[in-house]
Amino acid sequence: MTLEKLVVAVDGPSGSGKSSVSKEAARRLGARYLDTGAMYRAVTWHCLDAGTDLHDAGAVAAAVRVADLFISTDPDHEEVRIHGTDVTAAIREPFVSEAVSAVATNLEARAELARRQREIIDAAGRIVAEGRDITTVVAPDAHARILLTASEEARLRRRGLQLGGTQSAADLQRQVVARDAKDATVSSFHEASDGVATVDSSDLDFEQTVQAVLAAVAAQAVSA
């Protein structure tokens, strides 16, 4: 995998492990890493901080367009800033998780963030980008395109562990299943599109999932 230019697109539902697995795959590929979900969370934090009415689609789109957003693409350094404010930890708070679908389902906001994501990908050289519409909208011509999925039971369990057991079963259901249902109205991330390899991690541990993703990358990148 010594290609000077390598774009790996990974999509998947909440709790499928796509962030941690994509980040580790990027390390092993000597590539940058883009968490597009963090971008959506960051602009959601921005809207909430600015008092933007999340029910006003035009206001949300306008807020996203003017957002001064920085996101690190170093897989070993997570950093997200909005207008210079470090929101790396804040965007993972439940109040952002509860609100992010209002931005993620806004078509104008999605178009603006997709534009920014393409700019980051184009400038990176080698990068693993993950999200919900990377394989189909943001980077449909990526060298490797992968849908990372898992059963609902596995996804709820993983998200609960990720949050340190602080969320109730109802909260997890709302943040994982309900959010996926909302986001699925504007992007497809439950079934692989043509040419997209599927990796089901339901019965795989972390290392096995990383290896499965790297194998899918190798198979697709060589034939690209």
C-alpha atoms as a PDB file:
ATOM      1  CA  MET A   1       0.000   0.000   0.000  1.00  0.00           C
ATOM      2  CA  THR A   2       2.661   2.499  -1.092  1.00  0.00           C
ATOM      3  CA  LEU A   3       0.398   4.534  -3.357  1.00  0.00           C
ATOM      4  CA  GLU A   4       1.191   8.230  -3.069  1.00  0.00           C
ATOM      5  CA  LYS A   5      -2.510   9.017  -3.394  1.00  0.00           C
ATOM      6  CA  LEU A   6      -4.878   6.801  -1.459  1.00  0.00           C
ATOM      7  CA  VAL A   7      -8.437   7.681  -0.477  1.00  0.00           C
ATOM      8  CA  VAL A   8     -10.333   5.216   1.694  1.00  0.00           C
ATOM      9  CA  ALA A   9     -14.020   5.953   2.301  1.00  0.00           C
ATOM     10  CA  VAL A  10     -15.770   4.246   5.215  1.00  0.00           C
ATOM     11  CA  ASP A  11     -19.462   4.550   6.022  1.00  0.00           C
ATOM     12  CA  GLY A  12     -21.574   2.912   8.686  1.00  0.00           C
ATOM     13  CA  PRO A  13     -24.281   3.335  11.330  1.00  0.00           C
ATOM     14  CA  SER A  14     -23.724   4.574  14.887  1.00  0.00           C
ATOM     15  CA  GLY A  15     -21.789   2.162  17.074  1.00  0.00           C
ATOM     16  CA  SER A  16     -20.406   0.121  14.187  1.00  0.00           C
ATOM     17  CA  GLY A  17     -16.864   1.006  15.252  1.00  0.00           C
ATOM     18  CA  LYS A  18     -16.102   3.048  12.165  1.00  0.00           C
ATOM     19  CA  SER A  19     -14.323   5.867  14.007  1.00  0.00           C
ATOM     20  CA  SER A  20     -11.908   3.779  16.069  1.00  0.00           C
ATOM     21  CA  VAL A  21     -11.346   1.264  13.288  1.00  0.00           C
ATOM     22  CA  SER A  22     -10.854   3.930  10.610  1.00  0.00           C
ATOM     23  CA  LYS A  23      -8.420   5.812  12.822  1.00  0.00           C
ATOM     24  CA  GLU A  24      -6.321   2.685  13.407  1.00  0.00           C
ATOM     25  CA  ALA A  25      -6.469   1.773   9.716  1.00  0.00           C
ATOM     26  CA  ALA A  26      -5.187   5.261   8.893  1.00  0.00           C
ATOM     27  CA  ARG A  27      -2.244   4.794  11.274  1.00  0.00           C
ATOM     28  CA  ARG A  28      -1.280   1.505   9.666  1.00  0.00           C
ATOM     29  CA  LEU A  29      -1.634   2.927   6.170  1.00  0.00           C
ATOM     30  CA  GLY A  30       0.450   5.990   7.006  1.00  0.00           C
ATOM     31  CA  ALA A  31      -2.553   8.133   6.138  1.00  0.00           C
ATOM     32  CA  ARG A  32      -4.494  11.084   7.498  1.00  0.00           C
ATOM     33  CA  TYR A  33      -7.852  10.491   9.184  1.00  0.00           C
ATOM     34  CA  LEU A  34     -11.049  12.496   8.790  1.00  0.00           C
ATOM     35  CA  ASP A  35     -13.941  12.103  11.214  1.00  0.00           C
ATOM     36  CA  THR A  36     -16.771  13.775   9.312  1.00  0.00           C
ATOM     37  CA  GLY A  37     -19.173  13.065  12.163  1.00  0.00           C
ATOM     38  CA  ALA A  38     -17.083  15.357  14.351  1.00  0.00           C
ATOM     39  CA  MET A  39     -17.602  18.096  11.772  1.00  0.00           C
ATOM     40  CA  TYR A  40     -21.374  17.721  12.072  1.00  0.00           C
ATOM     41  CA  ARG A  41     -21.110  17.742  15.842  1.00  0.00           C
ATOM     42  CA  ALA A  42     -18.920  20.840  15.763  1.00  0.00           C
ATOM     43  CA  VAL A  43     -21.317  22.892  13.676  1.00  0.00           C
ATOM     44  CA  THR A  44     -24.188  21.636  15.845  1.00  0.00           C
ATOM     45  CA  TRP A  45     -22.318  22.920  18.904  1.00  0.00           C
ATOM     46  CA  HIS A  46     -21.842  26.201  17.023  1.00  0.00           C
ATOM     47  CA  CYS A  47     -25.577  26.477  16.298  1.00  0.00           C
ATOM     48  CA  LEU A  48     -26.484  25.748  19.904  1.00  0.00           C
ATOM     49  CA  ASP A  49     -23.876  28.180  21.228  1.00  0.00           C
ATOM     50  CA  ALA A  50     -25.146  30.912  18.907  1.00  0.00           C
ATOM     51  CA  GLY A  51     -28.779  30.294  19.843  1.00  0.00           C
ATOM     52  CA  THR A  52     -29.715  29.252  16.300  1.00  0.00           C
ATOM     53  CA  ASP A  53     -33.226  27.842  15.997  1.00  0.00           C
ATOM     54  CA  LEU A  54     -32.591  24.247  14.918  1.00  0.00           C
ATOM     55  CA  HIS A  55     -36.107  24.075  13.504  1.00  0.00           C
ATOM     56  CA  ASP A  56     -35.289  26.918  11.092  1.00  0.00           C
ATOM     57  CA  ALA A  57     -33.590  25.154   8.172  1.00  0.00           C
ATOM     58  CA  GLY A  58     -32.444  28.402   6.578  1.00  0.00           C
ATOM     59  CA  ALA A  59     -30.897  29.678   9.800  1.00  0.00           C
ATOM     60  CA  VAL A  60     -29.082  26.381  10.376  1.00  0.00           C
ATOM     61  CA  ALA A  61     -27.702  26.376   6.823  1.00  0.00           C
ATOM     62  CA  ALA A  62     -26.552  29.980   7.179  1.00  0.00           C
ATOM     63  CA  ALA A  63     -24.825  29.208  10.489  1.00  0.00           C
ATOM     64  CA  VAL A  64     -22.979  26.270   8.949  1.00  0.00           C
ATOM     65  CA  ARG A  65     -21.826  28.309   5.955  1.00  0.00           C
ATOM     66  CA  VAL A  66     -20.130  30.923   8.152  1.00  0.00           C
ATOM     67  CA  ALA A  67     -18.716  28.480  10.723  1.00  0.00           C
ATOM     68  CA  ASP A  68     -14.940  28.810  11.061  1.00  0.00           C
ATOM     69  CA  LEU A  69     -14.231  25.117  11.556  1.00  0.00           C
ATOM     70  CA  PHE A  70     -10.882  23.403  12.066  1.00  0.00           C
ATOM     71  CA  ILE A  71     -10.491  19.654  12.426  1.00  0.00           C
ATOM     72  CA  SER A  72      -7.227  17.785  12.837  1.00  0.00           C
ATOM     73  CA  THR A  73      -6.540  14.954  10.391  1.00  0.00           C
ATOM     74  CA  ASP A  74      -3.706  13.513  12.471  1.00  0.00           C
ATOM     75  CA  PRO A  75      -4.925  10.069  13.656  1.00  0.00           C
ATOM     76  CA  ASP A  76      -2.885  10.526  16.831  1.00  0.00           C
ATOM     77  CA  HIS A  77      -4.175  13.991  17.677  1.00  0.00           C
ATOM     78  CA  GLU A  78      -7.883  14.721  18.007  1.00  0.00           C
ATOM     79  CA  GLU A  79      -8.663  18.430  17.873  1.00  0.00           C
ATOM     80  CA  VAL A  80     -11.752  20.322  16.750  1.00  0.00           C
ATOM     81  CA  ARG A  81     -12.135  24.097  16.957  1.00  0.00           C
ATOM     82  CA  ILE A  82     -14.984  26.448  16.095  1.00  0.00           C
ATOM     83  CA  HIS A  83     -14.036  30.107  15.729  1.00  0.00           C
ATOM     84  CA  GLY A  84     -10.881  29.331  17.692  1.00  0.00           C
ATOM     85  CA  THR A  85     -12.708  27.641  20.574  1.00  0.00           C
ATOM     86  CA  ASP A  86     -11.544  24.105  21.358  1.00  0.00           C
ATOM     87  CA  VAL A  87     -14.699  21.970  21.294  1.00  0.00           C
ATOM     88  CA  THR A  88     -12.992  18.570  21.055  1.00  0.00           C
ATOM     89  CA  ALA A  89     -14.572  17.314  24.266  1.00  0.00           C
ATOM     90  CA  ALA A  90     -17.754  19.403  24.181  1.00  0.00           C
ATOM     91  CA  ILE A  91     -19.001  17.927  20.895  1.00  0.00           C
ATOM     92  CA  ARG A  92     -19.219  14.491  22.532  1.00  0.00           C
ATOM     93  CA  GLU A  93     -21.590  15.704  25.232  1.00  0.00           C
ATOM     94  CA  PRO A  94     -25.159  14.311  25.258  1.00  0.00           C
ATOM     95  CA  PHE A  95     -26.709  17.719  24.500  1.00  0.00           C
ATOM     96  CA  VAL A  96     -24.856  17.751  21.165  1.00  0.00           C
ATOM     97  CA  SER A  97     -25.703  14.109  20.440  1.00  0.00           C
ATOM     98  CA  GLU A  98     -29.375  14.903  20.982  1.00  0.00           C
ATOM     99  CA  ALA A  99     -29.318  17.823  18.545  1.00  0.00           C
ATOM    100  CA  VAL A 100     -26.933  16.749  15.777  1.00  0.00           C
ATOM    101  CA  SER A 101     -29.578  15.175  13.532  1.00  0.00           C
ATOM    102  CA  ALA A 102     -31.208  18.589  13.075  1.00  0.00           C
ATOM    103  CA  VAL A 103     -28.038  19.671  11.289  1.00  0.00           C
ATOM    104  CA  ALA A 104     -27.204  16.326   9.683  1.00  0.00           C
ATOM    105  CA  THR A 105     -30.605  16.192   7.956  1.00  0.00           C
ATOM    106  CA  ASN A 106     -30.337  19.765   6.647  1.00  0.00           C
ATOM    107  CA  LEU A 107     -29.544  19.359   2.940  1.00  0.00           C
ATOM    108  CA  GLU A 108     -27.867  22.760   2.559  1.00  0.00           C
ATOM    109  CA  ALA A 109     -25.728  22.145   5.618  1.00  0.00           C
ATOM    110  CA  ARG A 110     -24.781  18.711   4.296  1.00  0.00           C
ATOM    111  CA  ALA A 111     -23.785  20.189   0.947  1.00  0.00           C
ATOM    112  CA  GLU A 112     -21.558  22.777   2.625  1.00  0.00           C
ATOM    113  CA  LEU A 113     -19.858  20.219   4.853  1.00  0.00           C
ATOM    114  CA  ALA A 114     -19.426  17.804   1.941  1.00  0.00           C
ATOM    115  CA  ARG A 115     -17.668  20.592   0.031  1.00  0.00           C
ATOM    116  CA  ARG A 116     -15.286  21.155   2.936  1.00  0.00           C
ATOM    117  CA  GLN A 117     -14.723  17.416   3.343  1.00  0.00           C
ATOM    118  CA  ARG A 118     -13.758  17.072  -0.326  1.00  0.00           C
ATOM    119  CA  GLU A 119     -11.261  19.908   0.055  1.00  0.00           C
ATOM    120  CA  ILE A 120      -9.656  18.159   3.034  1.00  0.00           C
ATOM    121  CA  ILE A 121      -9.563  14.817   1.211  1.00  0.00           C
ATOM    122  CA  ASP A 122      -8.105  16.321  -1.967  1.00  0.00           C
ATOM    123  CA  ALA A 123      -5.331  18.063  -0.019  1.00  0.00           C
ATOM    124  CA  ALA A 124      -4.390  15.048   2.080  1.00  0.00           C
ATOM    125  CA  GLY A 125      -2.790  12.687  -0.403  1.00  0.00           C
ATOM    126  CA  ARG A 126      -3.410   9.583   1.702  1.00  0.00           C
ATOM    127  CA  ILE A 127      -6.482   9.645   3.932  1.00  0.00           C
ATOM    128  CA  VAL A 128      -9.154   7.490   5.526  1.00  0.00           C
ATOM    129  CA  ALA A 129     -12.426   9.425   5.713  1.00  0.00           C
ATOM    130  CA  GLU A 130     -15.399   8.041   7.603  1.00  0.00           C
ATOM    131  CA  GLY A 131     -19.017   9.030   8.025  1.00  0.00           C
ATOM    132  CA  ARG A 132     -22.401   8.218   6.531  1.00  0.00           C
ATOM    133  CA  ASP A 133     -22.231   9.341   2.903  1.00  0.00           C
ATOM    134  CA  ILE A 134     -18.515   9.236   2.134  1.00  0.00           C
ATOM    135  CA  THR A 135     -18.707   6.211  -0.186  1.00  0.00           C
ATOM    136  CA  THR A 136     -21.656   7.599  -2.130  1.00  0.00           C
ATOM    137  CA  VAL A 137     -21.569  11.426  -2.053  1.00  0.00           C
ATOM    138  CA  VAL A 138     -18.336  12.860  -0.704  1.00  0.00           C
ATOM    139  CA  ALA A 139     -15.807  10.468  -2.252  1.00  0.00           C
ATOM    140  CA  PRO A 140     -17.592   8.089  -4.649  1.00  0.00           C
ATOM    141  CA  ASP A 141     -14.343   7.721  -6.635  1.00  0.00           C
ATOM    142  CA  ALA A 142     -12.253   6.688  -3.615  1.00  0.00           C
ATOM    143  CA  HIS A 143      -9.661   3.976  -4.190  1.00  0.00           C
ATOM    144  CA  ALA A 144     -11.437   1.854  -1.579  1.00  0.00           C
ATOM    145  CA  ARG A 145     -15.024   2.134  -0.347  1.00  0.00           C
ATOM    146  CA  ILE A 146     -16.231   0.179   2.661  1.00  0.00           C
ATOM    147  CA  LEU A 147     -19.474  -0.143   4.604  1.00  0.00           C
ATOM    148  CA  LEU A 148     -18.676  -1.098   8.195  1.00  0.00           C
ATOM    149  CA  THR A 149     -21.738  -2.454   9.906  1.00  0.00           C
ATOM    150  CA  ALA A 150     -22.797  -4.488  12.941  1.00  0.00           C
ATOM    151  CA  SER A 151     -25.947  -5.819  14.548  1.00  0.00           C
ATOM    152  CA  GLU A 152     -28.106  -3.436  16.585  1.00  0.00           C
ATOM    153  CA  GLU A 153     -27.257  -5.340  19.771  1.00  0.00           C
ATOM    154  CA  ALA A 154     -23.523  -5.006  19.154  1.00  0.00           C
ATOM    155  CA  ARG A 155     -23.816  -1.327  18.265  1.00  0.00           C
ATOM    156  CA  LEU A 156     -25.782  -0.473  21.410  1.00  0.00           C
ATOM    157  CA  ARG A 157     -23.310  -2.377  23.567  1.00  0.00           C
ATOM    158  CA  ARG A 158     -20.297  -0.636  22.008  1.00  0.00           C
ATOM    159  CA  ARG A 159     -21.774   2.820  22.271  1.00  0.00           C
ATOM    160  CA  GLY A 160     -22.601   2.184  25.917  1.00  0.00           C
ATOM    161  CA  LEU A 161     -18.990   1.171  26.610  1.00  0.00           C
ATOM    162  CA  GLN A 162     -17.727   4.182  24.665  1.00  0.00           C
ATOM    163  CA  LEU A 163     -19.770   6.478  26.899  1.00  0.00           C
ATOM    164  CA  GLY A 164     -18.518   4.780  30.048  1.00  0.00           C
ATOM    165  CA  GLY A 165     -21.892   3.329  31.017  1.00  0.00           C
ATOM    166  CA  THR A 166     -23.306   6.773  31.795  1.00  0.00           C
ATOM    167  CA  GLN A 167     -26.289   6.489  29.464  1.00  0.00           C
ATOM    168  CA  SER A 168     -29.522   4.653  30.173  1.00  0.00           C
ATOM    169  CA  ALA A 169     -30.868   2.026  27.776  1.00  0.00           C
ATOM    170  CA  ALA A 170     -33.441   4.554  26.558  1.00  0.00           C
ATOM    171  CA  ASP A 171     -30.741   7.177  25.969  1.00  0.00           C
ATOM    172  CA  LEU A 172     -28.632   4.726  24.001  1.00  0.00           C
ATOM    173  CA  GLN A 173     -31.625   3.647  21.937  1.00  0.00           C
ATOM    174  CA  ARG A 174     -32.365   7.284  21.136  1.00  0.00           C
ATOM    175  CA  GLN A 175     -28.777   8.214  20.342  1.00  0.00           C
ATOM    176  CA  VAL A 176     -28.038   5.160  18.204  1.00  0.00           C
ATOM    177  CA  VAL A 177     -31.181   3.722  16.631  1.00  0.00           C
ATOM    178  CA  ALA A 178     -33.377   6.827  16.559  1.00  0.00           C
ATOM    179  CA  ARG A 179     -30.571   9.025  15.257  1.00  0.00           C
ATOM    180  CA  ASP A 180     -29.755   6.517  12.525  1.00  0.00           C
ATOM    181  CA  ALA A 181     -33.413   6.493  11.492  1.00  0.00           C
ATOM    182  CA  LYS A 182     -33.421  10.282  11.161  1.00  0.00           C
ATOM    183  CA  ASP A 183     -30.120  10.442   9.306  1.00  0.00           C
ATOM    184  CA  ALA A 184     -31.183   7.642   6.964  1.00  0.00           C
ATOM    185  CA  THR A 185     -33.705  10.049   5.446  1.00  0.00           C
ATOM    186  CA  VAL A 186     -30.838  11.941   3.757  1.00  0.00           C
ATOM    187  CA  SER A 187     -28.070   9.345   3.396  1.00  0.00           C
ATOM    188  CA  SER A 188     -27.790   5.589   2.911  1.00  0.00           C
ATOM    189  CA  PHE A 189     -25.469   3.806   5.315  1.00  0.00           C
ATOM    190  CA  HIS A 190     -27.199   0.525   6.155  1.00  0.00           C
ATOM    191  CA  GLU A 191     -26.672  -1.241   2.840  1.00  0.00           C
ATOM    192  CA  ALA A 192     -23.642  -1.098   0.576  1.00  0.00           C
ATOM    193  CA  SER A 193     -23.993   0.624  -2.777  1.00  0.00           C
ATOM    194  CA  ASP A 194     -22.554  -0.958  -5.925  1.00  0.00           C
ATOM    195  CA  GLY A 195     -18.800  -1.367  -5.643  1.00  0.00           C
ATOM    196  CA  VAL A 196     -18.744  -0.872  -1.873  1.00  0.00           C
ATOM    197  CA  ALA A 197     -17.304  -3.732   0.227  1.00  0.00           C
ATOM    198  CA  THR A 198     -19.196  -4.716   3.381  1.00  0.00           C
ATOM    199  CA  VAL A 199     -17.412  -5.559   6.630  1.00  0.00           C
ATOM    200  CA  ASP A 200     -19.751  -6.898   9.338  1.00  0.00           C
ATOM    201  CA  SER A 201     -18.027  -6.519  12.708  1.00  0.00           C
ATOM    202  CA  SER A 202     -20.815  -8.031  14.840  1.00  0.00           C
ATOM    203  CA  ASP A 203     -18.739 -11.081  15.772  1.00  0.00           C
ATOM    204  CA  LEU A 204     -15.276  -9.557  15.316  1.00  0.00           C
ATOM    205  CA  ASP A 205     -13.044  -8.001  17.912  1.00  0.00           C
ATOM    206  CA  PHE A 206     -11.244  -4.723  17.266  1.00  0.00           C
ATOM    207  CA  GLU A 207      -8.089  -6.206  15.732  1.00  0.00           C
ATOM    208  CA  GLN A 208     -10.068  -8.575  13.527  1.00  0.00           C
ATOM    209  CA  THR A 209     -12.194  -5.667  12.297  1.00  0.00           C
ATOM    210  CA  VAL A 210      -9.133  -3.559  11.500  1.00  0.00           C
ATOM    211  CA  GLN A 211      -7.603  -6.467   9.593  1.00  0.00           C
ATOM    212  CA  ALA A 212     -10.841  -7.007   7.653  1.00  0.00           C
ATOM    213  CA  VAL A 213     -10.940  -3.337   6.674  1.00  0.00           C
ATOM    214  CA  LEU A 214      -7.276  -3.338   5.621  1.00  0.00           C
ATOM    215  CA  ALA A 215      -7.891  -6.455   3.525  1.00  0.00           C
ATOM    216  CA  ALA A 216     -10.824  -4.734   1.813  1.00  0.00           C
ATOM    217  CA  VAL A 217      -8.659  -1.675   1.165  1.00  0.00           C
ATOM    218  CA  ALA A 218      -5.876  -3.788  -0.336  1.00  0.00           C
ATOM    219  CA  ALA A 219      -8.278  -5.712  -2.559  1.00  0.00           C
ATOM    220  CA  GLN A 220      -9.957  -2.595  -3.923  1.00  0.00           C
ATOM    221  CA  ALA A 221      -6.921  -0.311  -4.172  1.00  0.00           C
ATOM    222  CA  VAL A 222      -4.926  -2.865  -6.151  1.00  0.00           C
ATOM    223  CA  SER A 223      -7.731  -3.319  -8.661  1.00  0.00           C
ATOM    224  CA  ALA A 224      -8.529   0.414  -8.896  1.00  0.00           C
END
